[in-house]
């Protein structure tokens, strides 16, 4: 129960309060763009083993869609990015643990992680940033209430 609460505090409540604060400022101004970070776990990706994490990211997607409807009249778009497997410090720690516990190299651990991904590669942080830059651009002015997978084709929805 404490893990559930902690994960939801950060992933769902944290996003809610950040969105709320940003929206208040944007309503007083000239509108704007809100971009939430969810996860393919929130879309029901079967490879996710942590139910609390998946539920919290699903909440971010639902919050994104609801806020988009409520804030559109203020010229505020609200979208979410749903990353798949992404190179982070945590992922590097996981590869190190696999290397130590299973006796395989980090490179092999990464190759195994990339195998189920149709594009056969793990996201780099820049892949997520590129989607955020697009969603913040004038070219995305008519896009709101969407959750975009950046996952190399791992899931389609």
N, C-alpha and C. Protein backbone atom coordinates (compact mmCIF):
# COMPACT_ATOMS: atom_id res chain seq x y z
N UNK A 1 0.82 -1.20 0.00
CA UNK A 1 0.00 0.00 0.00
C UNK A 1 0.86 1.26 0.00
N UNK A 2 1.95 1.26 0.75
CA UNK A 2 2.79 2.46 0.79
C UNK A 2 3.46 2.70 -0.56
N UNK A 3 3.85 1.63 -1.27
CA UNK A 3 4.42 1.80 -2.61
C UNK A 3 3.39 2.41 -3.55
N UNK A 4 2.16 1.90 -3.48
CA UNK A 4 1.08 2.43 -4.32
C UNK A 4 0.92 3.93 -4.07
N UNK A 5 0.82 4.31 -2.80
CA UNK A 5 0.62 5.72 -2.46
C UNK A 5 1.79 6.58 -2.92
N UNK A 6 3.01 6.12 -2.69
CA UNK A 6 4.20 6.88 -3.07
C UNK A 6 4.25 7.08 -4.58
N UNK A 7 4.00 6.02 -5.33
CA UNK A 7 4.04 6.10 -6.79
C UNK A 7 2.96 7.05 -7.31
N UNK A 8 1.77 6.98 -6.74
CA UNK A 8 0.69 7.87 -7.17
C UNK A 8 0.94 9.31 -6.75
N UNK A 9 1.58 9.50 -5.59
CA UNK A 9 1.93 10.87 -5.16
C UNK A 9 2.80 11.54 -6.21
N UNK A 10 3.81 10.83 -6.67
CA UNK A 10 4.76 11.41 -7.63
C UNK A 10 4.14 11.48 -9.02
N UNK A 11 3.66 10.36 -9.52
CA UNK A 11 3.26 10.28 -10.93
C UNK A 11 1.91 10.90 -11.24
N UNK A 12 0.93 10.75 -10.40
CA UNK A 12 -0.40 11.28 -10.70
C UNK A 12 -0.62 12.64 -10.02
N UNK A 13 -0.47 12.68 -8.71
CA UNK A 13 -0.69 13.94 -7.99
C UNK A 13 0.32 15.00 -8.41
N UNK A 14 1.56 14.60 -8.57
CA UNK A 14 2.60 15.55 -8.98
C UNK A 14 2.27 16.20 -10.32
N UNK A 15 1.84 15.39 -11.27
CA UNK A 15 1.46 15.92 -12.58
C UNK A 15 0.22 16.81 -12.45
N UNK A 16 -0.75 16.38 -11.65
CA UNK A 16 -1.96 17.18 -11.47
C UNK A 16 -1.64 18.58 -10.95
N UNK A 17 -0.84 18.65 -9.89
CA UNK A 17 -0.55 19.96 -9.30
C UNK A 17 0.32 20.83 -10.21
N UNK A 18 1.22 20.21 -10.93
CA UNK A 18 2.03 20.96 -11.90
C UNK A 18 1.15 21.50 -13.03
N UNK A 19 0.27 20.65 -13.54
CA UNK A 19 -0.65 21.06 -14.60
C UNK A 19 -1.55 22.19 -14.11
N UNK A 20 -2.06 22.05 -12.90
CA UNK A 20 -2.94 23.06 -12.33
C UNK A 20 -2.24 24.42 -12.22
N UNK A 21 -1.01 24.41 -11.73
CA UNK A 21 -0.26 25.65 -11.60
C UNK A 21 0.04 26.28 -12.95
N UNK A 22 0.46 25.47 -13.91
CA UNK A 22 0.75 25.98 -15.25
C UNK A 22 -0.51 26.53 -15.91
N UNK A 23 -1.61 25.81 -15.77
CA UNK A 23 -2.87 26.24 -16.39
C UNK A 23 -3.32 27.59 -15.84
N UNK A 24 -3.20 27.78 -14.55
CA UNK A 24 -3.62 29.06 -13.96
C UNK A 24 -2.86 30.23 -14.57
N UNK A 25 -1.56 30.05 -14.75
CA UNK A 25 -0.74 31.13 -15.35
C UNK A 25 -1.10 31.32 -16.82
N UNK A 26 -1.32 30.22 -17.53
CA UNK A 26 -1.63 30.31 -18.96
C UNK A 26 -3.00 30.93 -19.20
N UNK A 27 -3.95 30.65 -18.32
CA UNK A 27 -5.29 31.24 -18.46
C UNK A 27 -5.20 32.76 -18.34
N UNK A 28 -4.36 33.24 -17.44
CA UNK A 28 -4.17 34.69 -17.26
C UNK A 28 -3.39 35.30 -18.42
N UNK A 29 -2.67 34.48 -19.15
CA UNK A 29 -1.85 34.96 -20.26
C UNK A 29 -2.52 34.71 -21.59
N UNK A 30 -1.74 34.27 -22.55
CA UNK A 30 -2.22 34.07 -23.91
C UNK A 30 -2.35 32.60 -24.28
N UNK A 31 -2.64 31.75 -23.33
CA UNK A 31 -2.73 30.32 -23.62
C UNK A 31 -1.36 29.67 -23.54
N UNK A 32 -1.26 28.50 -24.13
CA UNK A 32 0.04 27.82 -24.11
C UNK A 32 -0.08 26.34 -24.35
N UNK A 33 0.99 25.65 -24.04
CA UNK A 33 1.09 24.21 -24.26
C UNK A 33 1.48 23.53 -22.96
N UNK A 34 0.75 22.50 -22.60
CA UNK A 34 1.10 21.66 -21.46
C UNK A 34 1.41 20.28 -22.01
N UNK A 35 2.57 19.76 -21.64
CA UNK A 35 3.01 18.45 -22.13
C UNK A 35 3.33 17.59 -20.91
N UNK A 36 2.53 16.56 -20.71
CA UNK A 36 2.74 15.64 -19.61
C UNK A 36 3.55 14.44 -20.07
N UNK A 37 4.28 13.85 -19.14
CA UNK A 37 5.01 12.63 -19.45
C UNK A 37 4.29 11.47 -18.77
N UNK A 38 3.79 10.56 -19.58
CA UNK A 38 3.13 9.35 -19.08
C UNK A 38 4.07 8.18 -19.37
N UNK A 39 3.56 7.12 -19.94
CA UNK A 39 4.37 5.94 -20.26
C UNK A 39 3.50 4.98 -21.05
N UNK A 40 4.14 4.12 -21.85
CA UNK A 40 3.36 3.08 -22.50
C UNK A 40 2.75 2.15 -21.46
N UNK A 41 3.30 2.14 -20.25
CA UNK A 41 2.71 1.34 -19.17
C UNK A 41 1.28 1.81 -18.89
N UNK A 42 1.03 3.10 -19.03
CA UNK A 42 -0.30 3.65 -18.80
C UNK A 42 -1.29 3.30 -19.88
N UNK A 43 -0.82 2.73 -20.96
CA UNK A 43 -1.69 2.30 -22.06
C UNK A 43 -1.94 0.80 -22.00
N UNK A 44 -1.50 0.17 -20.92
CA UNK A 44 -1.76 -1.25 -20.74
C UNK A 44 -0.71 -2.15 -21.36
N UNK A 45 0.50 -1.62 -21.59
CA UNK A 45 1.57 -2.45 -22.15
C UNK A 45 1.78 -3.67 -21.27
N UNK A 46 1.66 -4.84 -21.85
CA UNK A 46 1.72 -6.10 -21.10
C UNK A 46 3.09 -6.37 -20.48
N UNK A 47 4.12 -5.71 -20.94
CA UNK A 47 5.46 -5.93 -20.39
C UNK A 47 5.70 -5.22 -19.06
N UNK A 48 4.71 -4.49 -18.58
CA UNK A 48 4.86 -3.76 -17.32
C UNK A 48 4.48 -4.67 -16.17
N UNK A 49 5.37 -4.79 -15.20
CA UNK A 49 5.10 -5.69 -14.08
C UNK A 49 4.67 -4.96 -12.82
N UNK A 50 4.65 -3.64 -12.83
CA UNK A 50 4.29 -2.87 -11.65
C UNK A 50 2.92 -2.22 -11.86
N UNK A 51 1.91 -2.79 -11.22
CA UNK A 51 0.54 -2.32 -11.40
C UNK A 51 0.36 -0.89 -10.92
N UNK A 52 1.00 -0.53 -9.82
CA UNK A 52 0.86 0.84 -9.30
C UNK A 52 1.42 1.85 -10.29
N UNK A 53 2.58 1.54 -10.87
CA UNK A 53 3.19 2.43 -11.86
C UNK A 53 2.28 2.56 -13.08
N UNK A 54 1.80 1.43 -13.59
CA UNK A 54 0.94 1.45 -14.77
C UNK A 54 -0.33 2.26 -14.50
N UNK A 55 -0.93 2.05 -13.34
CA UNK A 55 -2.16 2.78 -13.00
C UNK A 55 -1.89 4.28 -12.88
N UNK A 56 -0.75 4.64 -12.29
CA UNK A 56 -0.44 6.06 -12.13
C UNK A 56 -0.22 6.73 -13.48
N UNK A 57 0.40 6.03 -14.41
CA UNK A 57 0.63 6.60 -15.74
C UNK A 57 -0.67 6.62 -16.55
N UNK A 58 -1.55 5.65 -16.31
CA UNK A 58 -2.88 5.69 -16.91
C UNK A 58 -3.66 6.91 -16.42
N UNK A 59 -3.47 7.24 -15.15
CA UNK A 59 -4.11 8.43 -14.59
C UNK A 59 -3.60 9.69 -15.27
N UNK A 60 -2.31 9.73 -15.59
CA UNK A 60 -1.75 10.90 -16.29
C UNK A 60 -2.40 11.05 -17.66
N UNK A 61 -2.60 9.94 -18.36
CA UNK A 61 -3.23 9.99 -19.68
C UNK A 61 -4.67 10.49 -19.55
N UNK A 62 -5.42 9.98 -18.59
CA UNK A 62 -6.80 10.43 -18.37
C UNK A 62 -6.85 11.90 -17.99
N UNK A 63 -5.95 12.32 -17.12
CA UNK A 63 -5.87 13.72 -16.72
C UNK A 63 -5.57 14.60 -17.93
N UNK A 64 -4.68 14.15 -18.79
CA UNK A 64 -4.33 14.90 -20.00
C UNK A 64 -5.56 15.12 -20.86
N UNK A 65 -6.32 14.08 -21.10
CA UNK A 65 -7.50 14.17 -21.96
C UNK A 65 -8.57 15.08 -21.36
N UNK A 66 -8.80 14.94 -20.07
CA UNK A 66 -9.81 15.77 -19.40
C UNK A 66 -9.39 17.23 -19.37
N UNK A 67 -8.14 17.49 -19.01
CA UNK A 67 -7.64 18.87 -18.97
C UNK A 67 -7.68 19.51 -20.35
N UNK A 68 -7.39 18.74 -21.38
CA UNK A 68 -7.44 19.27 -22.75
C UNK A 68 -8.83 19.80 -23.08
N UNK A 69 -9.85 19.06 -22.68
CA UNK A 69 -11.22 19.50 -22.94
C UNK A 69 -11.56 20.77 -22.15
N UNK A 70 -11.12 20.81 -20.91
CA UNK A 70 -11.44 21.95 -20.05
C UNK A 70 -10.66 23.21 -20.41
N UNK A 71 -9.44 23.06 -20.90
CA UNK A 71 -8.57 24.22 -21.12
C UNK A 71 -8.57 24.72 -22.56
N UNK A 72 -9.19 24.00 -23.47
CA UNK A 72 -9.18 24.39 -24.88
C UNK A 72 -9.75 25.79 -25.09
N UNK A 73 -10.78 26.14 -24.35
CA UNK A 73 -11.40 27.47 -24.51
C UNK A 73 -10.45 28.60 -24.14
N UNK A 74 -9.35 28.28 -23.46
CA UNK A 74 -8.34 29.27 -23.10
C UNK A 74 -7.13 29.21 -24.03
N UNK A 75 -7.27 28.52 -25.14
CA UNK A 75 -6.19 28.33 -26.12
C UNK A 75 -4.98 27.64 -25.49
N UNK A 76 -5.28 26.66 -24.66
CA UNK A 76 -4.24 25.84 -24.03
C UNK A 76 -4.40 24.43 -24.55
N UNK A 77 -3.33 23.89 -25.11
CA UNK A 77 -3.35 22.49 -25.52
C UNK A 77 -2.69 21.66 -24.44
N UNK A 78 -3.20 20.45 -24.28
CA UNK A 78 -2.65 19.53 -23.27
C UNK A 78 -2.47 18.17 -23.94
N UNK A 79 -1.26 17.70 -23.97
CA UNK A 79 -0.94 16.41 -24.57
C UNK A 79 0.01 15.65 -23.65
N UNK A 80 0.17 14.37 -23.94
CA UNK A 80 1.08 13.53 -23.16
C UNK A 80 2.01 12.78 -24.09
N UNK A 81 3.19 12.53 -23.60
CA UNK A 81 4.15 11.67 -24.28
C UNK A 81 4.25 10.39 -23.48
N UNK A 82 4.17 9.26 -24.18
CA UNK A 82 4.23 7.95 -23.54
C UNK A 82 5.50 7.23 -24.00
N UNK A 83 6.60 7.45 -23.30
CA UNK A 83 7.84 6.78 -23.71
C UNK A 83 7.79 5.28 -23.46
N UNK A 84 8.53 4.57 -24.29
CA UNK A 84 8.79 3.16 -24.05
C UNK A 84 10.11 3.05 -23.32
N UNK A 85 10.82 1.97 -23.57
CA UNK A 85 12.11 1.74 -22.92
C UNK A 85 13.07 2.86 -23.32
N UNK A 86 13.56 3.59 -22.33
CA UNK A 86 14.39 4.76 -22.59
C UNK A 86 15.67 4.70 -21.76
N UNK A 87 16.76 5.06 -22.39
CA UNK A 87 18.05 5.06 -21.71
C UNK A 87 18.06 6.14 -20.63
N UNK A 88 18.10 5.70 -19.40
CA UNK A 88 18.16 6.58 -18.24
C UNK A 88 19.16 5.98 -17.26
N UNK A 89 19.42 6.71 -16.18
CA UNK A 89 20.29 6.15 -15.13
C UNK A 89 19.71 4.86 -14.58
N UNK A 90 18.39 4.83 -14.38
CA UNK A 90 17.75 3.63 -13.85
C UNK A 90 17.94 2.46 -14.80
N UNK A 91 17.76 2.68 -16.09
CA UNK A 91 17.93 1.59 -17.05
C UNK A 91 19.38 1.10 -17.04
N UNK A 92 20.32 2.00 -16.95
CA UNK A 92 21.74 1.60 -16.88
C UNK A 92 22.00 0.77 -15.63
N UNK A 93 21.36 1.14 -14.51
CA UNK A 93 21.49 0.35 -13.28
C UNK A 93 20.90 -1.05 -13.47
N UNK A 94 19.79 -1.12 -14.17
CA UNK A 94 19.17 -2.43 -14.44
C UNK A 94 20.10 -3.28 -15.29
N UNK A 95 20.70 -2.69 -16.31
CA UNK A 95 21.65 -3.44 -17.15
C UNK A 95 22.85 -3.91 -16.33
N UNK A 96 23.31 -3.09 -15.41
CA UNK A 96 24.43 -3.49 -14.54
C UNK A 96 24.02 -4.66 -13.65
N UNK A 97 22.82 -4.59 -13.09
CA UNK A 97 22.32 -5.68 -12.25
C UNK A 97 22.21 -6.97 -13.05
N UNK A 98 21.70 -6.88 -14.26
CA UNK A 98 21.59 -8.06 -15.13
C UNK A 98 22.97 -8.61 -15.43
N UNK A 99 23.90 -7.72 -15.72
CA UNK A 99 25.28 -8.14 -16.02
C UNK A 99 25.86 -8.92 -14.83
N UNK A 100 25.66 -8.40 -13.63
CA UNK A 100 26.22 -9.03 -12.43
C UNK A 100 25.49 -10.31 -12.05
N UNK A 101 24.18 -10.33 -12.20
CA UNK A 101 23.41 -11.50 -11.75
C UNK A 101 23.32 -12.61 -12.79
N UNK A 102 23.36 -12.25 -14.07
CA UNK A 102 23.19 -13.27 -15.11
C UNK A 102 24.47 -13.55 -15.88
N UNK A 103 25.51 -12.79 -15.60
CA UNK A 103 26.79 -13.03 -16.25
C UNK A 103 26.81 -12.71 -17.73
N UNK A 104 25.98 -11.77 -18.14
CA UNK A 104 26.02 -11.32 -19.54
C UNK A 104 26.47 -9.86 -19.57
N UNK A 105 26.97 -9.42 -20.68
CA UNK A 105 27.46 -8.04 -20.78
C UNK A 105 26.29 -7.06 -20.81
N UNK A 106 26.60 -5.81 -20.49
CA UNK A 106 25.58 -4.76 -20.60
C UNK A 106 25.07 -4.66 -22.03
N UNK A 107 25.98 -4.81 -22.98
CA UNK A 107 25.59 -4.74 -24.39
C UNK A 107 24.58 -5.83 -24.73
N UNK A 108 24.79 -7.03 -24.21
CA UNK A 108 23.84 -8.13 -24.45
C UNK A 108 22.52 -7.85 -23.75
N UNK A 109 22.58 -7.32 -22.54
CA UNK A 109 21.35 -6.97 -21.82
C UNK A 109 20.55 -5.93 -22.60
N UNK A 110 21.25 -4.95 -23.16
CA UNK A 110 20.57 -3.94 -23.97
C UNK A 110 19.99 -4.55 -25.24
N UNK A 111 20.75 -5.43 -25.88
CA UNK A 111 20.27 -6.09 -27.11
C UNK A 111 19.00 -6.89 -26.81
N UNK A 112 18.98 -7.57 -25.67
CA UNK A 112 17.78 -8.33 -25.30
C UNK A 112 16.59 -7.41 -25.05
N UNK A 113 16.85 -6.27 -24.44
CA UNK A 113 15.77 -5.31 -24.17
C UNK A 113 15.22 -4.73 -25.47
N UNK A 114 16.08 -4.59 -26.48
CA UNK A 114 15.66 -3.99 -27.75
C UNK A 114 14.97 -4.99 -28.68
N UNK A 115 15.17 -6.28 -28.46
CA UNK A 115 14.62 -7.30 -29.39
C UNK A 115 13.12 -7.19 -29.65
N UNK A 116 12.30 -7.02 -28.62
CA UNK A 116 10.85 -6.95 -28.91
C UNK A 116 10.40 -5.65 -29.57
N UNK A 117 11.28 -4.67 -29.64
CA UNK A 117 10.94 -3.36 -30.21
C UNK A 117 11.11 -3.44 -31.73
N UNK A 118 10.06 -3.18 -32.50
CA UNK A 118 10.18 -3.29 -33.96
C UNK A 118 11.35 -2.52 -34.56
N UNK A 119 11.66 -1.34 -34.07
CA UNK A 119 12.80 -0.59 -34.60
C UNK A 119 14.13 -1.07 -34.03
N UNK A 120 14.07 -2.03 -33.11
CA UNK A 120 15.28 -2.68 -32.58
C UNK A 120 16.23 -1.73 -31.88
N UNK A 121 15.69 -0.69 -31.24
CA UNK A 121 16.55 0.20 -30.48
C UNK A 121 15.78 0.79 -29.30
N UNK A 122 16.55 1.11 -28.29
CA UNK A 122 16.02 1.74 -27.09
C UNK A 122 15.96 3.25 -27.33
N UNK A 123 14.95 3.89 -26.78
CA UNK A 123 14.86 5.35 -26.88
C UNK A 123 16.06 6.00 -26.23
N UNK A 124 16.48 7.09 -26.84
CA UNK A 124 17.42 8.01 -26.20
C UNK A 124 16.58 9.16 -25.65
N UNK A 125 17.03 9.84 -24.62
CA UNK A 125 16.26 10.98 -24.10
C UNK A 125 15.91 11.99 -25.20
N UNK A 126 16.78 12.13 -26.18
CA UNK A 126 16.53 13.08 -27.28
C UNK A 126 15.28 12.70 -28.09
N UNK A 127 14.93 11.42 -28.12
CA UNK A 127 13.73 11.00 -28.84
C UNK A 127 12.48 11.57 -28.16
N UNK A 128 12.48 11.57 -26.85
CA UNK A 128 11.36 12.11 -26.09
C UNK A 128 11.34 13.64 -26.25
N UNK A 129 12.52 14.24 -26.16
CA UNK A 129 12.63 15.70 -26.31
C UNK A 129 12.11 16.16 -27.66
N UNK A 130 12.40 15.41 -28.71
CA UNK A 130 11.95 15.80 -30.06
C UNK A 130 10.43 15.86 -30.13
N UNK A 131 9.75 14.91 -29.49
CA UNK A 131 8.29 14.95 -29.47
C UNK A 131 7.79 16.14 -28.67
N UNK A 132 8.44 16.42 -27.56
CA UNK A 132 8.04 17.58 -26.74
C UNK A 132 8.23 18.88 -27.52
N UNK A 133 9.33 18.99 -28.24
CA UNK A 133 9.58 20.19 -29.04
C UNK A 133 8.49 20.35 -30.09
N UNK A 134 8.12 19.26 -30.74
CA UNK A 134 7.04 19.34 -31.73
C UNK A 134 5.73 19.78 -31.07
N UNK A 135 5.37 19.14 -29.96
CA UNK A 135 4.10 19.46 -29.31
C UNK A 135 4.05 20.90 -28.79
N UNK A 136 5.21 21.48 -28.53
CA UNK A 136 5.27 22.87 -28.08
C UNK A 136 5.32 23.86 -29.24
N UNK A 137 5.45 23.36 -30.45
CA UNK A 137 5.64 24.22 -31.62
C UNK A 137 4.31 24.72 -32.19
N UNK A 138 4.37 25.76 -33.02
CA UNK A 138 3.16 26.24 -33.70
C UNK A 138 2.51 25.15 -34.57
N UNK A 139 3.29 24.22 -35.06
CA UNK A 139 2.74 23.15 -35.88
C UNK A 139 1.79 22.23 -35.14
N UNK A 140 1.80 22.30 -33.82
CA UNK A 140 0.92 21.44 -33.01
C UNK A 140 -0.22 22.24 -32.38
N UNK A 141 -0.51 23.41 -32.92
CA UNK A 141 -1.52 24.27 -32.31
C UNK A 141 -2.92 23.67 -32.30
N UNK A 142 -3.19 22.73 -33.19
CA UNK A 142 -4.51 22.10 -33.25
C UNK A 142 -4.49 20.67 -32.72
N UNK A 143 -3.49 20.33 -31.96
CA UNK A 143 -3.39 18.99 -31.38
C UNK A 143 -3.57 19.13 -29.88
N UNK A 144 -4.60 18.49 -29.35
CA UNK A 144 -4.82 18.52 -27.91
C UNK A 144 -5.55 17.26 -27.47
N UNK A 145 -5.29 16.85 -26.25
CA UNK A 145 -5.94 15.67 -25.69
C UNK A 145 -5.37 14.36 -26.19
N UNK A 146 -4.16 14.40 -26.71
CA UNK A 146 -3.56 13.19 -27.29
C UNK A 146 -2.44 12.66 -26.40
N UNK A 147 -2.22 11.36 -26.51
CA UNK A 147 -1.11 10.70 -25.82
C UNK A 147 -0.30 9.96 -26.88
N UNK A 148 0.92 10.42 -27.10
CA UNK A 148 1.76 9.89 -28.17
C UNK A 148 2.78 8.90 -27.64
N UNK A 149 2.78 7.71 -28.24
CA UNK A 149 3.80 6.71 -27.91
C UNK A 149 5.10 7.08 -28.60
N UNK A 150 6.18 7.06 -27.86
CA UNK A 150 7.53 7.18 -28.42
C UNK A 150 8.23 5.93 -27.93
N UNK A 151 8.11 4.87 -28.72
CA UNK A 151 8.50 3.55 -28.21
C UNK A 151 9.09 2.62 -29.27
N UNK A 152 9.46 3.18 -30.41
CA UNK A 152 10.03 2.34 -31.46
C UNK A 152 9.06 1.34 -32.05
N UNK A 153 7.76 1.57 -31.85
CA UNK A 153 6.75 0.67 -32.39
C UNK A 153 6.39 -0.49 -31.47
N UNK A 154 6.82 -0.43 -30.21
CA UNK A 154 6.57 -1.53 -29.28
C UNK A 154 5.08 -1.81 -29.11
N UNK A 155 4.31 -0.74 -28.97
CA UNK A 155 2.85 -0.92 -28.94
C UNK A 155 2.25 0.02 -29.97
N UNK A 156 1.09 -0.28 -30.42
CA UNK A 156 0.39 0.61 -31.34
C UNK A 156 -0.99 0.88 -30.77
N UNK A 157 -1.35 2.16 -30.73
CA UNK A 157 -2.68 2.53 -30.23
C UNK A 157 -3.04 3.91 -30.72
